[in-house]
Amino acid sequence: MDSAGNPASQPPVYESPLCAEELETESLPTAGQISPPPLRRGFSSPEASISAIDFSSPPPPSRALDYLANTIQKNQIGIDIDAIHEAPLGSSMAPAQLYSTTSGRLYHAGKILVVTVGLPARGKTHISVAMTRYLRWMGVKTQPFHLGDYRRKVLGPGAELPEDYFFVKAGASTVKLRQRVVAACKEDVYRFLEQEGGQVAIYDAVNPLAGGRINLKKEFEKRGIQTLFIESFCDDERLIEENVRNVKISSPDYIGWKPEDAVKDYLNRINSKIPHFETMSREENLNYIKMVNAGESLEINNCRMIGYLLNRIVFYLMNLHIKTHVTYFVRAGECNEEDLYRTDSSLSESGVSYAQRMTKALLAHRKKEHETFIAQGGNPDALKPLTIWTSTRRRTVETGQYFPESYKRKQRPQLSQLNPGDLEGTTIEEIVAKYPEEAIKHKADPYHHRYPRAESYHDLAQRLEPIILELEREKSDLLIIAHESVLRVLYGYLMASRTEDIPFLEFTRDEIVEIIPASYQNVARRVKISDAVVDEA
């Protein structure tokens, strides 16, 4: 039933003998299998007032801003989980949103359905999740719809998948099952775009036939929804196997499997159960972008009509590839002088010790991970080198100086810490006395509030957008050494953190934060430096 009490219209299904989902083999958890994520480390409740600040143990002036924000009551539960599949909730899910509208839709772009195209293990799910992450970062209300979710949801828990599900010539009962899967997915897409104020829905499936894609475009066009097709085309067998090994075997279909058996089964699924596929061509007269071999080249067809938002999507895809890499976050070491924005001091003695221990810890951790990867049948040639990014400030550069000289290093001025403005060097008491109204505003919204002549976290997010695009473009494993404020924002992007949580994310100097891409969402874990330090002898 709709909101007026009338029977809900049934979304049409494909008339083609081969439905879009017939070749769908993405292995993803259903909505029922995704439990609500626990609160992350540093989550808080903005209920305390400025009068509740405890001045009994005030922090040093350099930590005054963080202390003022963190005096809000905090719930320290400490599990790092990517929230990309939570429902988008306005600006709380949009760290870099520039403006808002009454309808919630931006850039005069209307409603858009993005449709992925491509055989399994070509990076479609990676593209759909990554695009969701970026568009939400911009403030565009976006939601991915993975057809694999609906396959498992329609089947129900414990039900076996029909053996002919992925075959072209399937039995009548299997064809009906596939039609139910597509209908359930479309119903949610329509609800998101037409009733929930969504702007971009991403339909993640194989969508193998030109005729089916054309029908899909016509169907949504009748309801005022523009379509954009994105094909990930790959004929490089090495890339395909690497994607299967690094990402696909982490899916629910392979829980409890040995890695080598899961890889073999998935490759067999591709080779023997996907006998027919039509790559996109200009004859279809569709708006499409074709990414070839992990972003080696892009083919763009008939895309001018969608406007600015589409141009941002194309620009993002030009920086995206399907190769996965691990990202490490590390705080810079302590410095000799007071930690002020205007100073550029070298590491203190304790900072040097920290840098040395952190280096040994990360090298030992990576060595262990590589040995495990090879022992599980991984190709040694697939192991990625480590690139180090720092700001141009002395202490971040010096924190990374103990890694081997062969490691590639890049200094990025955008990675400099948040500018505290007039509050630099002030104590909590001085902030409250001099800027009482500003302090209350900051406590109410520590992400967007800006002190006099200072940067807000929102400003910092805007400054870091070129870094985010370059991060997506990076193909090596990546170590980012920066101030805690910078790590909070970058972590917030990769893990889809809410804006109200970003100012309270914690990065201590006794651990390395490792973010690992999985088939459905990023996973973060914290590696204790003391646990991984190699023997000095």
Protein backbone atom coordinates (compact mmCIF):
# COMPACT_ATOMS: atom_id res chain seq x y z
CA MET A 1 0.00 0.00 0.00
CA ASP A 2 1.17 3.53 -0.69
CA SER A 3 0.87 6.53 1.65
CA ALA A 4 -2.66 7.23 0.43
CA GLY A 5 -3.85 3.70 1.18
CA ASN A 6 -4.01 2.60 -2.46
CA PRO A 7 -2.58 -0.72 -3.65
CA ALA A 8 1.08 -0.33 -4.50
CA SER A 9 1.86 -0.69 -8.19
CA GLN A 10 3.95 -3.70 -9.09
CA PRO A 11 7.20 -2.79 -10.83
CA PRO A 12 7.52 -4.47 -14.22
CA VAL A 13 9.94 -7.32 -14.79
CA TYR A 14 12.05 -8.04 -17.85
CA GLU A 15 10.29 -9.45 -20.87
CA SER A 16 13.54 -10.80 -22.25
CA PRO A 17 14.10 -14.57 -21.85
CA LEU A 18 17.35 -13.67 -20.07
CA CYS A 19 16.81 -11.35 -17.10
CA ALA A 20 19.50 -9.08 -15.75
CA GLU A 21 19.89 -11.17 -12.65
CA GLU A 22 20.29 -14.43 -14.54
CA LEU A 23 24.00 -13.82 -14.82
CA GLU A 24 24.28 -12.12 -11.45
CA THR A 25 26.91 -13.78 -9.30
CA GLU A 26 27.94 -11.09 -6.85
CA SER A 27 28.29 -12.70 -3.41
CA LEU A 28 27.06 -10.18 -0.88
CA PRO A 29 25.19 -10.35 2.43
CA THR A 30 21.47 -9.74 2.45
CA ALA A 31 19.91 -6.88 4.33
CA GLY A 32 18.86 -9.37 6.98
CA GLN A 33 22.43 -10.52 7.43
CA ILE A 34 23.72 -7.01 8.05
CA SER A 35 23.37 -6.27 11.75
CA PRO A 36 23.30 -2.62 12.85
CA PRO A 37 26.90 -1.52 13.35
CA PRO A 38 28.02 -0.88 16.89
CA LEU A 39 29.16 2.60 17.82
CA ARG A 40 32.66 3.38 16.67
CA ARG A 41 35.47 4.47 18.91
CA GLY A 42 34.95 8.11 19.80
CA PHE A 43 31.18 8.27 19.30
CA SER A 44 29.54 10.84 21.49
CA SER A 45 26.27 12.36 22.59
CA PRO A 46 26.05 16.19 22.25
CA GLU A 47 24.00 16.70 25.40
CA ALA A 48 26.49 18.28 27.77
CA SER A 49 26.53 22.06 28.15
CA ILE A 50 29.55 24.31 28.37
CA SER A 51 29.02 24.50 32.14
CA ALA A 52 29.67 20.77 32.41
CA ILE A 53 33.34 21.12 31.46
CA ASP A 54 35.67 19.70 34.08
CA PHE A 55 38.59 22.09 34.63
CA SER A 56 40.21 19.99 37.35
CA SER A 57 42.76 18.53 34.92
CA PRO A 58 42.94 20.92 31.96
CA PRO A 59 44.93 19.77 28.94
CA PRO A 60 47.93 21.63 27.54
CA PRO A 61 47.00 24.59 25.32
CA SER A 62 47.81 22.67 22.13
CA ARG A 63 45.04 20.17 22.93
CA ALA A 64 42.47 22.75 24.06
CA LEU A 65 40.23 22.47 21.00
CA ASP A 66 40.15 18.67 21.10
CA TYR A 67 39.50 18.76 24.84
CA LEU A 68 36.62 21.17 24.48
CA ALA A 69 35.00 18.89 21.91
CA ASN A 70 35.68 15.72 23.86
CA THR A 71 34.13 16.95 27.11
CA ILE A 72 30.84 15.89 25.57
CA GLN A 73 29.87 12.54 27.09
CA LYS A 74 31.42 9.81 24.95
CA ASN A 75 30.49 6.21 24.38
CA GLN A 76 33.75 4.32 23.83
CA ILE A 77 32.87 1.04 22.21
CA GLY A 78 35.78 0.70 19.86
CA ILE A 79 34.71 -1.30 16.80
CA ASP A 80 35.71 0.09 13.43
CA ILE A 81 33.12 -0.72 10.79
CA ASP A 82 32.28 0.85 7.46
CA ALA A 83 28.82 2.46 7.54
CA ILE A 84 28.42 2.80 3.76
CA HIS A 85 25.28 0.62 3.73
CA GLU A 86 23.47 2.56 6.41
CA ALA A 87 20.62 4.67 5.08
CA PRO A 88 21.84 8.17 4.18
CA LEU A 89 20.57 10.65 6.75
CA GLY A 90 20.96 14.11 5.27
CA SER A 91 24.03 16.18 6.05
CA SER A 92 25.18 13.81 8.80
CA MET A 93 26.39 11.49 6.04
CA ALA A 94 27.84 14.30 3.88
CA PRO A 95 31.14 15.62 5.27
CA ALA A 96 31.89 17.83 2.24
CA GLN A 97 28.39 19.06 1.32
CA LEU A 98 28.52 22.63 0.03
CA TYR A 99 24.83 23.52 0.23
CA SER A 100 21.40 22.00 0.76
CA THR A 101 18.02 22.24 -0.97
CA THR A 102 14.42 21.76 0.13
CA SER A 103 14.06 18.64 -2.01
CA GLY A 104 17.39 17.26 -0.85
CA ARG A 105 18.54 16.94 -4.48
CA LEU A 106 21.61 18.86 -5.62
CA TYR A 107 23.21 20.23 -8.79
CA HIS A 108 19.86 20.48 -10.66
CA ALA A 109 20.36 16.86 -11.64
CA GLY A 110 17.03 15.29 -10.70
CA LYS A 111 16.75 11.54 -10.08
CA ILE A 112 19.38 9.24 -11.56
CA LEU A 113 19.68 5.46 -11.78
CA VAL A 114 23.28 4.27 -12.22
CA VAL A 115 23.39 0.74 -13.64
CA THR A 116 26.51 -1.39 -13.44
CA VAL A 117 27.39 -3.73 -16.30
CA GLY A 118 30.02 -6.45 -16.45
CA LEU A 119 30.92 -10.06 -15.78
CA PRO A 120 31.67 -11.20 -12.21
CA ALA A 121 34.96 -10.17 -10.57
CA ARG A 122 35.27 -7.08 -12.78
CA GLY A 123 34.85 -4.66 -9.91
CA LYS A 124 31.17 -3.69 -10.26
CA THR A 125 30.43 -3.86 -6.56
CA HIS A 126 33.66 -2.00 -5.78
CA ILE A 127 32.62 0.74 -8.21
CA SER A 128 29.08 0.98 -6.84
CA VAL A 129 30.25 1.19 -3.21
CA ALA A 130 33.09 3.61 -4.01
CA MET A 131 30.75 5.87 -5.99
CA THR A 132 28.23 5.80 -3.14
CA ARG A 133 31.01 6.83 -0.77
CA TYR A 134 32.10 9.76 -2.94
CA LEU A 135 28.62 11.05 -3.82
CA ARG A 136 27.50 10.95 -0.20
CA TRP A 137 30.67 12.82 0.70
CA MET A 138 29.48 15.54 -1.70
CA GLY A 139 26.01 15.54 -0.12
CA VAL A 140 24.19 13.63 -2.86
CA LYS A 141 21.70 11.22 -1.29
CA THR A 142 22.89 7.94 -2.77
CA GLN A 143 22.15 4.29 -2.08
CA PRO A 144 23.54 1.10 -3.68
CA PHE A 145 21.19 -1.78 -4.46
CA HIS A 146 23.12 -5.04 -4.87
CA LEU A 147 21.12 -7.69 -6.68
CA GLY A 148 22.94 -10.40 -4.75
CA ASP A 149 21.31 -9.09 -1.58
CA TYR A 150 17.87 -9.63 -3.05
CA ARG A 151 18.72 -13.11 -4.34
CA ARG A 152 19.50 -14.23 -0.79
CA LYS A 153 16.59 -12.29 0.68
CA VAL A 154 14.05 -13.87 -1.69
CA LEU A 155 15.52 -17.34 -1.14
CA GLY A 156 15.46 -16.95 2.62
CA PRO A 157 17.98 -18.18 5.19
CA GLY A 158 19.25 -21.72 4.72
CA ALA A 159 17.65 -22.18 1.29
CA GLU A 160 19.75 -23.70 -1.46
CA LEU A 161 20.30 -21.86 -4.72
CA PRO A 162 18.93 -23.75 -7.74
CA GLU A 163 21.78 -25.37 -9.68
CA ASP A 164 20.62 -23.74 -12.92
CA TYR A 165 20.28 -20.22 -11.46
CA PHE A 166 23.23 -18.79 -13.40
CA PHE A 167 22.56 -20.70 -16.62
CA VAL A 168 20.89 -19.15 -19.66
CA LYS A 169 18.57 -22.09 -20.20
CA ALA A 170 17.10 -22.39 -16.73
CA GLY A 171 13.93 -24.16 -15.68
CA ALA A 172 10.59 -22.37 -15.38
CA SER A 173 10.73 -22.26 -11.58
CA THR A 174 14.21 -20.75 -11.64
CA VAL A 175 13.16 -18.11 -14.17
CA LYS A 176 10.26 -17.11 -11.90
CA LEU A 177 12.65 -16.91 -8.96
CA ARG A 178 14.93 -14.59 -10.90
CA GLN A 179 12.02 -12.37 -11.86
CA ARG A 180 11.00 -12.12 -8.20
CA VAL A 181 14.54 -11.11 -7.30
CA VAL A 182 14.60 -8.29 -9.87
CA ALA A 183 11.09 -7.12 -8.93
CA ALA A 184 12.03 -6.88 -5.24
CA CYS A 185 15.15 -4.88 -6.07
CA LYS A 186 13.32 -2.48 -8.38
CA GLU A 187 10.59 -1.90 -5.83
CA ASP A 188 13.20 -0.65 -3.36
CA VAL A 189 14.87 1.50 -6.02
CA TYR A 190 11.56 3.18 -6.85
CA ARG A 191 10.79 3.72 -3.18
CA PHE A 192 14.19 5.33 -2.57
CA LEU A 193 13.97 7.69 -5.54
CA GLU A 194 10.27 8.54 -5.47
CA GLN A 195 9.26 8.40 -1.79
CA GLU A 196 12.43 8.79 0.30
CA GLY A 197 13.99 11.77 -1.48
CA GLY A 198 16.90 9.82 -2.94
CA GLN A 199 18.81 11.31 -5.83
CA VAL A 200 21.14 8.56 -7.09
CA ALA A 201 20.31 4.83 -6.90
CA ILE A 202 23.02 2.41 -8.00
CA TYR A 203 21.72 -0.88 -9.41
CA ASP A 204 24.58 -3.34 -9.01
CA ALA A 205 24.16 -6.39 -11.25
CA VAL A 206 25.65 -8.03 -14.35
CA ASN A 207 23.03 -6.66 -16.82
CA PRO A 208 24.53 -8.70 -19.65
CA LEU A 209 22.31 -8.11 -22.68
CA ALA A 210 21.90 -5.00 -24.80
CA GLY A 211 18.15 -5.58 -25.12
CA GLY A 212 17.68 -5.81 -21.36
CA ARG A 213 19.65 -2.60 -20.82
CA ILE A 214 17.59 -0.71 -23.39
CA ASN A 215 14.35 -1.92 -21.77
CA LEU A 216 15.65 -0.86 -18.38
CA LYS A 217 16.35 2.65 -19.65
CA LYS A 218 12.87 2.95 -21.21
CA GLU A 219 11.17 1.70 -18.07
CA PHE A 220 12.80 4.23 -15.75
CA GLU A 221 12.59 7.04 -18.29
CA LYS A 222 8.77 6.77 -18.17
CA ARG A 223 8.97 7.70 -14.48
CA GLY A 224 11.26 10.69 -15.00
CA ILE A 225 14.42 8.89 -13.88
CA GLN A 226 17.59 9.35 -15.93
CA THR A 227 19.89 6.38 -16.44
CA LEU A 228 23.66 6.10 -16.61
CA PHE A 229 25.30 2.75 -17.35
CA ILE A 230 28.81 1.99 -16.11
CA GLU A 231 30.54 -1.06 -17.52
CA SER A 232 33.69 -2.50 -15.99
CA PHE A 233 35.32 -4.41 -18.82
CA CYS A 234 38.35 -6.55 -18.09
CA ASP A 235 40.10 -9.18 -20.19
CA ASP A 236 43.28 -9.28 -18.12
CA GLU A 237 43.17 -12.69 -16.41
CA ARG A 238 45.78 -11.64 -13.86
CA LEU A 239 43.62 -8.72 -12.71
CA ILE A 240 40.53 -10.92 -12.55
CA GLU A 241 42.22 -13.56 -10.39
CA GLU A 242 43.72 -10.88 -8.14
CA ASN A 243 40.27 -9.35 -7.63
CA VAL A 244 38.76 -12.74 -6.83
CA ARG A 245 41.52 -13.61 -4.37
CA ASN A 246 41.68 -10.24 -2.62
CA VAL A 247 37.99 -9.35 -2.52
CA LYS A 248 35.43 -11.87 -3.71
CA ILE A 249 36.37 -14.76 -1.45
CA SER A 250 35.50 -12.57 1.56
CA SER A 251 31.82 -12.74 0.58
CA PRO A 252 29.22 -14.73 2.56
CA ASP A 253 29.07 -17.44 -0.10
CA TYR A 254 32.53 -18.59 0.97
CA ILE A 255 32.37 -18.47 4.75
CA GLY A 256 34.33 -21.45 6.05
CA TRP A 257 35.99 -22.22 2.71
CA LYS A 258 39.71 -22.55 2.21
CA PRO A 259 40.93 -19.54 0.18
CA GLU A 260 42.30 -21.65 -2.68
CA ASP A 261 39.03 -23.61 -2.95
CA ALA A 262 36.97 -20.41 -2.91
CA VAL A 263 39.11 -18.89 -5.68
CA LYS A 264 38.78 -22.02 -7.81
CA ASP A 265 35.02 -22.17 -7.35
CA TYR A 266 34.50 -18.51 -8.19
CA LEU A 267 36.66 -18.70 -11.32
CA ASN A 268 34.70 -21.78 -12.42
CA ARG A 269 31.50 -19.85 -11.88
CA ILE A 270 32.76 -17.14 -14.19
CA ASN A 271 34.05 -19.46 -16.91
CA SER A 272 31.36 -22.13 -17.00
CA LYS A 273 28.19 -20.42 -15.77
CA ILE A 274 28.47 -17.14 -17.67
CA PRO A 275 28.40 -18.30 -21.29
CA HIS A 276 27.13 -15.13 -22.91
CA PHE A 277 27.73 -11.44 -22.40
CA GLU A 278 27.31 -8.40 -24.68
CA THR A 279 29.66 -5.52 -23.99
CA MET A 280 28.20 -2.05 -24.35
CA SER A 281 28.39 -0.29 -27.70
CA ARG A 282 27.29 3.01 -29.22
CA GLU A 283 24.53 1.23 -31.16
CA GLU A 284 22.55 0.92 -27.92
CA ASN A 285 22.25 4.74 -27.79
CA LEU A 286 22.56 4.78 -24.00
CA ASN A 287 24.37 7.09 -21.61
CA TYR A 288 27.33 4.97 -20.61
CA ILE A 289 30.89 4.96 -19.33
CA LYS A 290 33.08 1.95 -20.01
CA MET A 291 36.10 1.39 -17.78
CA VAL A 292 38.67 -0.90 -19.40
CA ASN A 293 41.10 -3.07 -17.43
CA ALA A 294 40.99 -1.40 -14.03
CA GLY A 295 40.84 2.13 -15.37
CA GLU A 296 43.50 1.91 -18.10
CA SER A 297 41.09 3.77 -20.36
CA LEU A 298 37.58 5.20 -20.30
CA GLU A 299 35.01 5.28 -23.10
CA ILE A 300 32.23 7.83 -22.64
CA ASN A 301 29.10 7.83 -24.78
CA ASN A 302 26.17 10.25 -25.01
CA CYS A 303 26.55 11.65 -21.48
CA ARG A 304 26.20 15.41 -21.92
CA MET A 305 22.54 15.66 -21.05
CA ILE A 306 22.91 14.82 -17.33
CA GLY A 307 25.03 17.88 -16.60
CA TYR A 308 27.34 18.87 -13.78
CA LEU A 309 26.71 15.92 -11.48
CA LEU A 310 27.53 13.50 -14.27
CA ASN A 311 30.73 15.42 -14.96
CA ARG A 312 31.70 14.94 -11.30
CA ILE A 313 30.94 11.21 -11.59
CA VAL A 314 33.06 10.93 -14.75
CA PHE A 315 35.88 12.84 -13.10
CA TYR A 316 35.72 10.53 -10.09
CA LEU A 317 35.73 7.40 -12.27
CA MET A 318 38.82 8.72 -14.06
CA ASN A 319 40.58 8.54 -10.68
CA LEU A 320 39.11 5.18 -9.65
CA HIS A 321 40.37 1.70 -10.43
CA ILE A 322 39.32 -1.78 -9.31
CA LYS A 323 42.69 -2.77 -7.90
CA THR A 324 42.58 -2.90 -4.13
CA HIS A 325 45.17 -1.52 -1.77
CA VAL A 326 45.52 -1.31 1.99
CA THR A 327 45.67 2.11 3.67
CA TYR A 328 47.47 2.70 6.97
CA PHE A 329 46.93 5.74 9.22
CA VAL A 330 49.63 6.82 11.66
CA ARG A 331 49.90 9.94 13.79
CA ALA A 332 53.03 12.05 13.55
CA GLY A 333 55.43 11.80 16.48
CA GLU A 334 55.76 14.34 19.26
CA CYS A 335 57.98 17.34 18.58
CA ASN A 336 60.56 19.32 20.58
CA GLU A 337 58.51 22.48 20.97
CA GLU A 338 54.91 23.04 21.91
CA ASP A 339 52.64 21.52 19.27
CA LEU A 340 51.42 24.72 17.62
CA TYR A 341 50.10 25.29 14.12
CA ARG A 342 52.57 28.08 13.39
CA THR A 343 55.67 26.17 14.51
CA ASP A 344 57.47 23.58 12.43
CA SER A 345 59.53 21.66 14.95
CA SER A 346 61.57 18.49 14.66
CA LEU A 347 60.73 15.32 16.56
CA SER A 348 61.58 15.16 20.23
CA GLU A 349 63.53 12.25 21.67
CA SER A 350 60.29 10.42 22.44
CA GLY A 351 59.04 11.28 18.95
CA VAL A 352 62.13 9.69 17.39
CA SER A 353 61.65 6.57 19.51
CA TYR A 354 58.01 6.37 18.46
CA ALA A 355 58.91 6.74 14.77
CA GLN A 356 61.45 3.92 15.00
CA ARG A 357 59.08 1.58 16.85
CA MET A 358 56.20 2.38 14.49
CA THR A 359 58.40 1.65 11.46
CA LYS A 360 59.50 -1.71 12.83
CA ALA A 361 55.94 -2.58 13.80
CA LEU A 362 54.50 -1.84 10.37
CA LEU A 363 57.29 -3.65 8.50
CA ALA A 364 56.88 -6.71 10.74
CA HIS A 365 53.09 -6.65 10.31
CA ARG A 366 53.33 -6.40 6.51
CA LYS A 367 55.89 -9.21 6.39
CA LYS A 368 53.56 -11.47 8.36
CA GLU A 369 50.58 -10.57 6.16
CA HIS A 370 52.58 -11.27 2.99
CA GLU A 371 53.73 -14.65 4.29
CA THR A 372 50.14 -15.59 5.09
CA PHE A 373 48.99 -14.44 1.65
CA ILE A 374 51.57 -16.60 -0.13
CA ALA A 375 50.88 -19.59 2.14
CA GLN A 376 47.23 -19.40 1.08
CA GLY A 377 48.18 -19.68 -2.57
CA GLY A 378 48.51 -16.01 -3.44
CA ASN A 379 50.79 -14.90 -6.26
CA PRO A 380 53.96 -13.23 -4.86
CA ASP A 381 53.89 -10.86 -7.86
CA ALA A 382 50.57 -9.48 -6.58
CA LEU A 383 52.18 -8.08 -3.42
CA LYS A 384 52.12 -4.30 -3.51
CA PRO A 385 54.89 -1.88 -2.50
CA LEU A 386 54.31 0.72 0.19
CA THR A 387 54.06 4.43 -0.61
CA ILE A 388 54.34 7.00 2.19
CA TRP A 389 52.39 10.26 2.25
CA THR A 390 53.14 13.05 4.71
CA SER A 391 52.39 16.74 4.95
CA THR A 392 55.21 19.20 4.31
CA ARG A 393 55.63 19.77 8.05
CA ARG A 394 58.89 18.61 9.56
CA ARG A 395 57.59 16.22 12.19
CA THR A 396 55.41 14.24 9.77
CA VAL A 397 58.31 13.89 7.34
CA GLU A 398 60.67 12.82 10.14
CA THR A 399 58.17 10.27 11.47
CA GLY A 400 58.51 8.38 8.19
CA GLN A 401 62.27 8.73 7.80
CA TYR A 402 63.17 5.28 9.15
CA PHE A 403 61.53 3.32 6.35
CA PRO A 404 63.88 1.95 3.66
CA GLU A 405 65.04 4.57 1.17
CA SER A 406 63.56 2.49 -1.65
CA TYR A 407 60.04 3.33 -0.43
CA LYS A 408 58.37 6.03 -2.47
CA ARG A 409 57.55 9.19 -0.49
CA LYS A 410 55.25 12.09 -1.31
CA GLN A 411 54.76 15.33 0.62
CA ARG A 412 51.28 16.84 0.38
CA PRO A 413 50.66 20.36 1.77
CA GLN A 414 46.91 19.58 1.92
CA LEU A 415 47.70 17.08 4.70
CA SER A 416 48.60 19.86 7.13
CA GLN A 417 46.60 19.91 10.34
CA LEU A 418 43.41 21.86 10.99
CA ASN A 419 44.12 25.58 11.46
CA PRO A 420 43.02 26.63 15.01
CA GLY A 421 43.03 30.36 14.12
CA ASP A 422 42.90 32.79 17.04
CA LEU A 423 42.56 29.95 19.53
CA GLU A 424 46.06 28.61 19.04
CA GLY A 425 47.93 28.37 22.32
CA THR A 426 44.91 29.23 24.47
CA THR A 427 43.63 27.27 27.42
CA ILE A 428 40.09 26.01 27.96
CA GLU A 429 39.44 28.76 30.50
CA GLU A 430 40.63 31.42 28.05
CA ILE A 431 38.42 30.04 25.25
CA VAL A 432 35.31 30.05 27.47
CA ALA A 433 36.08 33.53 28.82
CA LYS A 434 36.92 35.15 25.50
CA TYR A 435 34.49 33.34 23.18
CA PRO A 436 31.63 32.02 25.37
CA GLU A 437 29.04 32.02 22.56
CA GLU A 438 31.47 30.44 20.11
CA ALA A 439 32.32 27.74 22.64
CA ILE A 440 28.64 26.84 23.01
CA LYS A 441 28.21 26.74 19.22
CA HIS A 442 31.28 24.55 18.92
CA LYS A 443 29.94 22.11 21.47
CA ALA A 444 26.60 21.93 19.62
CA ASP A 445 28.22 21.24 16.22
CA PRO A 446 31.98 20.61 16.48
CA TYR A 447 32.17 19.45 12.85
CA HIS A 448 30.79 22.54 11.10
CA HIS A 449 31.56 25.25 13.63
CA ARG A 450 34.48 27.56 12.84
CA TYR A 451 36.25 29.63 15.51
CA PRO A 452 37.50 33.12 14.51
CA ARG A 453 40.16 32.90 11.77
CA ALA A 454 40.14 29.11 12.12
CA GLU A 455 39.20 26.11 9.99
CA SER A 456 36.29 23.82 10.79
CA TYR A 457 36.40 20.10 10.07
CA HIS A 458 34.08 20.86 7.16
CA ASP A 459 36.67 23.28 5.78
CA LEU A 460 39.34 20.61 6.21
CA ALA A 461 37.20 18.09 4.33
CA GLN A 462 36.93 20.54 1.43
CA ARG A 463 40.69 21.05 1.47
CA LEU A 464 41.32 17.30 1.40
CA GLU A 465 39.20 16.51 -1.68
CA PRO A 466 42.24 16.41 -4.03
CA ILE A 467 43.88 14.00 -1.58
CA ILE A 468 40.77 11.79 -1.62
CA LEU A 469 40.83 11.60 -5.40
CA GLU A 470 44.53 10.78 -5.39
CA LEU A 471 43.92 8.18 -2.70
CA GLU A 472 41.42 6.48 -5.02
CA ARG A 473 43.98 6.64 -7.83
CA GLU A 474 46.81 5.09 -5.78
CA LYS A 475 47.64 1.48 -6.68
CA SER A 476 50.30 0.79 -4.06
CA ASP A 477 49.59 0.15 -0.40
CA LEU A 478 49.56 3.51 1.31
CA LEU A 479 50.82 4.86 4.64
CA ILE A 480 49.53 8.31 5.62
CA ILE A 481 51.40 10.06 8.43
CA ALA A 482 49.56 13.16 9.60
CA HIS A 483 48.03 15.13 12.44
CA GLU A 484 45.06 13.52 14.19
CA SER A 485 42.60 16.06 12.72
CA VAL A 486 43.58 15.06 9.19
CA LEU A 487 43.38 11.34 9.96
CA ARG A 488 39.88 11.83 11.36
CA VAL A 489 38.58 13.32 8.12
CA LEU A 490 40.28 10.78 5.83
CA TYR A 491 39.09 7.93 8.03
CA GLY A 492 35.62 9.48 7.94
CA TYR A 493 35.67 9.26 4.14
CA LEU A 494 36.90 5.67 3.88
CA MET A 495 34.64 4.39 6.65
CA ALA A 496 31.55 6.53 5.88
CA SER A 497 31.54 8.13 9.33
CA ARG A 498 28.85 10.61 10.30
CA THR A 499 29.86 14.24 10.57
CA GLU A 500 28.95 14.35 14.26
CA ASP A 501 31.41 11.53 14.94
CA ILE A 502 34.44 12.67 12.95
CA PRO A 503 35.74 15.21 15.52
CA PHE A 504 35.88 12.47 18.16
CA LEU A 505 37.64 9.68 16.28
CA GLU A 506 40.79 8.67 18.11
CA PHE A 507 44.22 7.84 16.72
CA THR A 508 46.70 7.09 19.46
CA ARG A 509 50.46 6.65 19.15
CA ASP A 510 50.42 3.06 20.35
CA GLU A 511 48.66 1.67 17.27
CA ILE A 512 48.47 1.69 13.49
CA VAL A 513 45.04 1.88 11.86
CA GLU A 514 44.77 -0.43 8.86
CA ILE A 515 41.85 -0.10 6.44
CA ILE A 516 41.27 -3.14 4.25
CA PRO A 517 38.86 -3.20 1.29
CA ALA A 518 36.43 -6.11 1.29
CA SER A 519 33.77 -7.18 -1.20
CA TYR A 520 31.01 -5.18 0.44
CA GLN A 521 32.55 -2.54 2.68
CA ASN A 522 35.86 -1.44 4.11
CA VAL A 523 37.09 -3.08 7.28
CA ALA A 524 39.36 -1.29 9.75
CA ARG A 525 41.54 -2.87 12.38
CA ARG A 526 44.03 -1.45 14.82
CA VAL A 527 47.49 -2.99 14.98
CA LYS A 528 49.16 -2.48 18.34
CA ILE A 529 52.69 -1.24 17.84
CA SER A 530 53.93 -3.12 20.88
CA ASP A 531 52.48 -6.38 19.52
CA ALA A 532 54.41 -6.23 16.26
CA VAL A 533 57.80 -4.75 17.20
CA VAL A 534 60.70 -6.96 16.09
CA ASP A 535 63.48 -7.96 18.42
CA GLU A 536 66.21 -5.35 18.75
CA ALA A 537 68.89 -8.02 18.97
